[in-house]
Amino acid sequence: MSKRASSSPGENTWDTQIADSGEFIRKPTSFRDQIKRDGTTGFQPETGRYHLYVSLACPWAHRTLILRKLKGLDAVIGVDVVDPFLDSRGWSFERSVPGATGDSLGGHALLREIYLASDPDFEGAVTVPVLWDRKREVIVNNESSEIIRMQNREFDDLVKHPEVDLYPESLRDQIDALNDWIYPEINNGVYRCGFAQKQEAYSQAVQILFAALDRAEAILERSRYLCGDQLTEADVRLFTTLVRFDCVYVSHFKCNIRRLVDYPNLWGYTRDIFQLPGVAETVNLEHIKLHYFASHRQINPLGIVPDGPELDFTAPHGRGS
């Protein structure tokens, strides 16, 4: 794995999101427009009009790649992949690591330039994913939870798999209730552990995280997926954290009370989703490990990327029974 120089102290965007208590506080996203097939917004679904900018390392961006595969949006929404290494400049379009594509649309060097092209006065955090409108040359949305909802329903006249519905009306209350605790306690919970700058903040976060993992393990002991036998948005959102758990979060973020492989149901469940058609193509462990271990020099000062652990996501999972 190749590595470049680290960011200077204090310049990483994560350093500006720490409370006086030492707790990591995630900033809200900035662009929240909606694509609607009913014509109620200025953004209507069209093949080739929209483009995703993602990082293969980022769990939030990963959600959008999985929806793109499961719905069959490959020919409808284009995608470019930023370099996994995050330095003081933010996400870049360098292509020193296989899988990083550069910016195929505008040839920009940095993702920040795309934010400024959409809003010249933009001063917030530059994050992935970004859903870009090629027609109006603006960012539509950079909130992953909203992008996957748009991918799920608004393009159904154009996708290969309109029958796939990860947010069915009959399960929406249940899905929303799951997201309400999985997001703060697990998805963002690992970051609250890893970026905590005081012992009390870390200890509180790690106890909350593992209580939530125990809760998910208990649910999955009774059913294949979180809402029974049907894969939903809630599963996709949980999966992107779980697939990174043992290779990054256990060691790098000190989430080491238990490993994912110590949870029989969560570990089988993760393999189950990984083996769904198209999902494995969205998982790039080289980008994931390089990003976390080489970019977060405040946590890992020498930027050494570990070779392990050995994980077999293709092993039989038995969840169908």
Protein backbone atom coordinates (compact mmCIF):
# COMPACT_ATOMS: atom_id res chain seq x y z
CA MET A 1 0.00 0.00 0.00
CA SER A 2 1.39 3.40 -0.93
CA LYS A 3 1.31 6.30 1.52
CA ARG A 4 1.99 10.02 1.24
CA ALA A 5 2.90 12.66 3.77
CA SER A 6 0.44 13.23 6.56
CA SER A 7 -1.58 16.37 7.14
CA SER A 8 -0.14 19.03 9.41
CA PRO A 9 -1.36 19.01 13.03
CA GLY A 10 -4.65 20.81 13.43
CA GLU A 11 -5.45 20.92 9.73
CA ASN A 12 -7.46 17.71 9.51
CA THR A 13 -11.18 18.51 9.41
CA TRP A 14 -11.83 16.02 12.25
CA ASP A 15 -9.81 18.23 14.63
CA THR A 16 -12.48 20.95 14.44
CA GLN A 17 -15.25 18.62 15.62
CA ILE A 18 -14.16 17.92 19.20
CA ALA A 19 -16.17 19.31 22.14
CA ASP A 20 -14.57 20.58 25.35
CA SER A 21 -15.49 17.23 26.91
CA GLY A 22 -13.21 15.51 24.42
CA GLU A 23 -16.23 14.05 22.57
CA PHE A 24 -16.34 13.87 18.77
CA ILE A 25 -19.30 15.84 17.36
CA ARG A 26 -20.18 15.22 13.71
CA LYS A 27 -21.12 18.32 11.71
CA PRO A 28 -24.36 18.27 9.69
CA THR A 29 -24.21 18.06 5.92
CA SER A 30 -24.87 21.13 3.77
CA PHE A 31 -26.63 20.24 0.50
CA ARG A 32 -30.11 18.79 0.92
CA ASP A 33 -32.01 19.16 -2.37
CA GLN A 34 -34.12 16.23 -3.58
CA ILE A 35 -34.56 14.37 -6.85
CA LYS A 36 -38.29 13.71 -7.35
CA ARG A 37 -39.93 11.86 -10.21
CA ASP A 38 -43.22 13.66 -9.53
CA GLY A 39 -41.71 16.92 -10.78
CA THR A 40 -42.12 18.81 -7.51
CA THR A 41 -38.44 19.84 -7.44
CA GLY A 42 -36.04 21.16 -10.03
CA PHE A 43 -34.29 17.80 -10.07
CA GLN A 44 -35.98 15.01 -12.01
CA PRO A 45 -34.58 11.50 -12.58
CA GLU A 46 -32.80 11.13 -15.93
CA THR A 47 -30.26 8.63 -17.19
CA GLY A 48 -26.79 10.14 -17.24
CA ARG A 49 -27.78 13.39 -15.53
CA TYR A 50 -26.45 12.61 -12.04
CA HIS A 51 -23.01 11.60 -10.85
CA LEU A 52 -21.73 10.27 -7.54
CA TYR A 53 -18.41 11.24 -6.02
CA VAL A 54 -17.46 8.69 -3.39
CA SER A 55 -14.63 7.25 -1.32
CA LEU A 56 -14.39 3.46 -1.20
CA ALA A 57 -13.07 3.91 2.34
CA CYS A 58 -16.03 5.89 3.67
CA PRO A 59 -18.94 3.93 5.19
CA TRP A 60 -21.40 6.72 4.38
CA ALA A 61 -20.42 6.77 0.70
CA HIS A 62 -20.41 2.98 0.69
CA ARG A 63 -24.17 3.00 1.31
CA THR A 64 -24.76 4.76 -2.00
CA LEU A 65 -22.57 2.29 -3.92
CA ILE A 66 -24.52 -0.66 -2.51
CA LEU A 67 -27.87 0.91 -3.46
CA ARG A 68 -26.49 1.61 -6.93
CA LYS A 69 -25.70 -2.11 -7.31
CA LEU A 70 -28.83 -3.55 -5.73
CA LYS A 71 -31.16 -1.31 -7.73
CA GLY A 72 -29.24 -1.66 -10.99
CA LEU A 73 -28.37 2.02 -11.32
CA ASP A 74 -24.95 1.48 -12.91
CA ALA A 75 -26.01 2.82 -16.31
CA VAL A 76 -28.13 5.60 -14.80
CA ILE A 77 -25.83 7.28 -12.26
CA GLY A 78 -22.11 7.62 -12.95
CA VAL A 79 -19.47 7.43 -10.24
CA ASP A 80 -15.95 8.67 -9.55
CA VAL A 81 -13.76 7.54 -6.66
CA VAL A 82 -11.47 9.86 -4.70
CA ASP A 83 -8.03 8.85 -3.46
CA PRO A 84 -8.26 7.03 -0.11
CA PHE A 85 -5.59 9.17 1.55
CA LEU A 86 -7.05 12.25 3.27
CA ASP A 87 -4.56 15.02 3.97
CA SER A 88 -4.85 18.69 4.92
CA ARG A 89 -6.26 19.52 1.47
CA GLY A 90 -9.20 17.18 1.95
CA TRP A 91 -10.30 14.48 -0.49
CA SER A 92 -8.28 14.54 -3.71
CA PHE A 93 -8.59 13.05 -7.18
CA GLU A 94 -5.06 11.67 -7.27
CA ARG A 95 -4.81 8.19 -8.77
CA SER A 96 -1.81 6.70 -7.01
CA VAL A 97 -3.88 3.82 -5.62
CA PRO A 98 -5.73 1.36 -7.89
CA GLY A 99 -9.45 2.05 -7.77
CA ALA A 100 -9.13 5.82 -7.53
CA THR A 101 -10.56 7.21 -10.77
CA GLY A 102 -9.85 10.91 -10.81
CA ASP A 103 -12.61 13.35 -11.75
CA SER A 104 -13.95 12.15 -15.10
CA LEU A 105 -16.31 15.11 -15.46
CA GLY A 106 -14.36 18.25 -14.68
CA GLY A 107 -10.78 17.11 -14.19
CA HIS A 108 -10.64 18.74 -10.77
CA ALA A 109 -7.73 18.04 -8.44
CA LEU A 110 -9.70 18.25 -5.20
CA LEU A 111 -13.25 17.48 -4.15
CA ARG A 112 -13.35 20.92 -2.53
CA GLU A 113 -13.27 22.43 -6.02
CA ILE A 114 -16.56 20.70 -6.83
CA TYR A 115 -18.13 22.14 -3.68
CA LEU A 116 -16.93 25.61 -4.68
CA ALA A 117 -18.19 25.15 -8.24
CA SER A 118 -21.63 24.53 -6.77
CA ASP A 119 -21.40 27.28 -4.15
CA PRO A 120 -18.49 29.76 -4.42
CA ASP A 121 -19.12 30.87 -0.81
CA PHE A 122 -19.02 27.34 0.64
CA GLU A 123 -16.96 27.10 3.85
CA GLY A 124 -18.16 23.86 5.48
CA ALA A 125 -16.71 20.36 5.69
CA VAL A 126 -16.01 18.68 2.34
CA THR A 127 -17.45 15.19 2.67
CA VAL A 128 -18.42 12.19 0.58
CA PRO A 129 -20.72 11.09 -0.92
CA VAL A 130 -21.65 13.90 -3.25
CA LEU A 131 -24.54 13.64 -5.72
CA TRP A 132 -23.80 16.04 -8.60
CA ASP A 133 -26.21 17.30 -11.25
CA ARG A 134 -24.41 17.48 -14.60
CA LYS A 135 -27.20 19.51 -16.20
CA ARG A 136 -27.36 22.35 -13.68
CA GLU A 137 -23.73 21.91 -12.51
CA VAL A 138 -24.58 21.93 -8.82
CA ILE A 139 -24.46 19.55 -5.89
CA VAL A 140 -27.90 18.10 -5.30
CA ASN A 141 -27.20 16.41 -1.99
CA ASN A 142 -24.31 15.25 0.19
CA GLU A 143 -26.33 13.48 2.90
CA SER A 144 -25.99 9.72 2.38
CA SER A 145 -29.21 8.80 4.19
CA GLU A 146 -31.18 11.00 1.75
CA ILE A 147 -29.24 9.92 -1.34
CA ILE A 148 -30.02 6.24 -0.73
CA ARG A 149 -33.72 7.06 -0.32
CA MET A 150 -33.65 8.79 -3.71
CA GLN A 151 -31.81 5.86 -5.26
CA ASN A 152 -34.35 3.47 -3.80
CA ARG A 153 -37.51 4.96 -5.32
CA GLU A 154 -37.06 8.00 -7.55
CA PHE A 155 -35.29 6.21 -10.43
CA ASP A 156 -37.58 3.17 -10.63
CA ASP A 157 -38.61 3.93 -14.22
CA LEU A 158 -34.94 3.71 -15.25
CA VAL A 159 -33.34 1.01 -13.12
CA LYS A 160 -32.77 -2.71 -13.83
CA HIS A 161 -34.35 -3.78 -10.56
CA PRO A 162 -37.40 -1.65 -9.75
CA GLU A 163 -38.77 -4.60 -7.75
CA VAL A 164 -36.04 -4.08 -5.15
CA ASP A 165 -37.44 -1.86 -2.40
CA LEU A 166 -35.24 -1.31 0.63
CA TYR A 167 -37.68 1.10 2.28
CA PRO A 168 -41.09 -0.55 1.82
CA GLU A 169 -44.04 1.32 3.25
CA SER A 170 -45.07 -1.59 5.47
CA LEU A 171 -41.67 -1.57 7.25
CA ARG A 172 -40.90 2.15 7.35
CA ASP A 173 -41.70 2.67 11.02
CA GLN A 174 -39.57 -0.33 11.96
CA ILE A 175 -36.69 0.78 9.72
CA ASP A 176 -36.79 4.33 11.09
CA ALA A 177 -36.78 3.01 14.66
CA LEU A 178 -33.72 0.87 13.90
CA ASN A 179 -31.88 3.76 12.24
CA ASP A 180 -32.62 5.96 15.26
CA TRP A 181 -30.26 3.92 17.46
CA ILE A 182 -27.97 2.19 14.95
CA TYR A 183 -26.74 5.49 13.53
CA PRO A 184 -25.70 7.27 16.76
CA GLU A 185 -24.65 4.18 18.69
CA ILE A 186 -22.93 2.05 16.00
CA ASN A 187 -22.37 3.91 12.69
CA ASN A 188 -21.22 7.10 14.36
CA GLY A 189 -20.45 5.28 17.60
CA VAL A 190 -17.17 3.86 16.28
CA TYR A 191 -16.07 7.39 15.38
CA ARG A 192 -17.03 8.66 18.83
CA CYS A 193 -14.66 6.03 20.21
CA GLY A 194 -11.85 6.63 17.77
CA PHE A 195 -11.85 10.43 17.78
CA ALA A 196 -12.48 10.91 21.50
CA GLN A 197 -9.73 13.00 23.08
CA LYS A 198 -10.46 12.32 26.73
CA GLN A 199 -10.69 9.02 28.59
CA GLU A 200 -14.20 9.61 29.91
CA ALA A 201 -15.54 10.47 26.44
CA TYR A 202 -13.99 7.32 24.98
CA SER A 203 -15.13 5.02 27.79
CA GLN A 204 -18.70 6.26 27.57
CA ALA A 205 -18.76 5.89 23.78
CA VAL A 206 -17.31 2.37 23.74
CA GLN A 207 -19.81 1.09 26.31
CA ILE A 208 -22.69 2.52 24.27
CA LEU A 209 -21.27 0.98 21.09
CA PHE A 210 -21.01 -2.54 22.45
CA ALA A 211 -24.39 -2.41 24.14
CA ALA A 212 -25.83 -1.57 20.71
CA LEU A 213 -23.89 -4.38 19.02
CA ASP A 214 -25.22 -6.78 21.64
CA ARG A 215 -28.72 -5.51 20.88
CA ALA A 216 -28.26 -6.10 17.14
CA GLU A 217 -26.84 -9.56 17.81
CA ALA A 218 -29.97 -10.46 19.78
CA ILE A 219 -32.25 -9.29 16.94
CA LEU A 220 -30.30 -11.31 14.38
CA GLU A 221 -30.52 -14.43 16.50
CA ARG A 222 -34.25 -14.45 15.71
CA SER A 223 -34.29 -13.33 12.07
CA ARG A 224 -32.07 -13.29 8.99
CA TYR A 225 -32.15 -9.51 8.65
CA LEU A 226 -33.05 -6.68 11.01
CA CYS A 227 -36.67 -6.58 9.81
CA GLY A 228 -37.21 -10.29 9.34
CA ASP A 229 -36.54 -12.10 6.07
CA GLN A 230 -36.41 -8.96 3.90
CA LEU A 231 -33.22 -6.96 3.31
CA THR A 232 -33.86 -3.28 4.01
CA GLU A 233 -32.09 0.05 4.14
CA ALA A 234 -31.37 -0.56 7.83
CA ASP A 235 -29.26 -3.60 6.91
CA VAL A 236 -27.24 -1.67 4.33
CA ARG A 237 -26.55 1.09 6.85
CA LEU A 238 -25.38 -1.37 9.50
CA PHE A 239 -23.35 -3.49 7.06
CA THR A 240 -21.01 -0.68 6.02
CA THR A 241 -19.83 -0.32 9.62
CA LEU A 242 -19.62 -4.05 10.30
CA VAL A 243 -17.53 -4.84 7.21
CA ARG A 244 -14.91 -2.35 8.50
CA PHE A 245 -15.10 -3.40 12.12
CA ASP A 246 -12.38 -6.01 12.59
CA CYS A 247 -9.97 -4.64 9.99
CA VAL A 248 -10.08 -1.04 11.27
CA TYR A 249 -12.28 -0.15 14.21
CA VAL A 250 -11.11 -2.85 16.65
CA SER A 251 -7.52 -1.64 16.67
CA HIS A 252 -7.48 1.83 15.15
CA PHE A 253 -10.54 3.16 16.98
CA LYS A 254 -9.98 1.04 20.14
CA CYS A 255 -13.34 -0.73 19.70
CA ASN A 256 -11.81 -3.85 21.15
CA ILE A 257 -14.13 -5.15 23.86
CA ARG A 258 -15.19 -7.77 21.33
CA ARG A 259 -14.47 -8.40 17.65
CA LEU A 260 -17.12 -8.87 15.00
CA VAL A 261 -16.04 -12.50 14.60
CA ASP A 262 -16.92 -13.01 18.29
CA TYR A 263 -20.58 -12.37 17.45
CA PRO A 264 -21.96 -15.48 15.68
CA ASN A 265 -25.03 -13.75 14.27
CA LEU A 266 -23.46 -10.42 13.32
CA TRP A 267 -20.50 -12.14 11.67
CA GLY A 268 -22.73 -14.50 9.66
CA TYR A 269 -25.04 -11.60 8.79
CA THR A 270 -22.11 -9.54 7.48
CA ARG A 271 -20.99 -12.42 5.25
CA ASP A 272 -24.59 -12.89 4.09
CA ILE A 273 -24.87 -9.30 2.85
CA PHE A 274 -21.33 -9.31 1.42
CA GLN A 275 -22.31 -12.29 -0.73
CA LEU A 276 -25.42 -10.65 -2.22
CA PRO A 277 -24.99 -10.01 -5.97
CA GLY A 278 -22.91 -6.89 -6.56
CA VAL A 279 -22.11 -6.05 -2.93
CA ALA A 280 -18.59 -7.55 -2.87
CA GLU A 281 -17.66 -5.24 -5.77
CA THR A 282 -18.29 -2.24 -3.51
CA VAL A 283 -15.93 -3.42 -0.73
CA ASN A 284 -12.28 -2.37 -1.10
CA LEU A 285 -10.27 -3.25 1.99
CA GLU A 286 -7.09 -1.68 0.59
CA HIS A 287 -8.78 1.73 0.36
CA ILE A 288 -10.45 1.24 3.75
CA LYS A 289 -7.25 0.37 5.64
CA LEU A 290 -5.08 2.91 3.84
CA HIS A 291 -7.52 5.72 4.54
CA TYR A 292 -7.93 5.14 8.26
CA PHE A 293 -4.45 4.07 9.27
CA ALA A 294 -2.46 6.40 7.00
CA SER A 295 -4.70 9.49 7.16
CA HIS A 296 -5.47 9.70 10.89
CA ARG A 297 -2.01 10.63 12.11
CA GLN A 298 -3.43 12.03 15.35
CA ILE A 299 -4.32 8.41 16.17
CA ASN A 300 -1.60 6.52 14.28
CA PRO A 301 1.38 8.93 14.07
CA LEU A 302 3.64 6.75 11.91
CA GLY A 303 0.89 5.90 9.42
CA ILE A 304 1.77 2.21 9.36
CA VAL A 305 -0.98 0.13 7.74
CA PRO A 306 -1.37 -3.36 9.27
CA ASP A 307 -1.27 -6.41 7.02
CA GLY A 308 -4.06 -8.21 8.89
CA PRO A 309 -6.45 -9.41 10.01
CA GLU A 310 -7.34 -12.32 7.75
CA LEU A 311 -11.11 -12.29 7.20
CA ASP A 312 -13.06 -14.56 4.86
CA PHE A 313 -16.26 -12.78 3.88
CA THR A 314 -16.97 -15.53 1.33
CA ALA A 315 -17.26 -18.37 3.86
CA PRO A 316 -20.71 -20.02 4.10
CA HIS A 317 -22.99 -18.06 6.43
CA GLY A 318 -26.02 -20.29 6.89
CA ARG A 319 -28.32 -17.31 7.43
CA GLY A 320 -30.90 -18.55 4.94
CA SER A 321 -31.95 -21.28 7.34
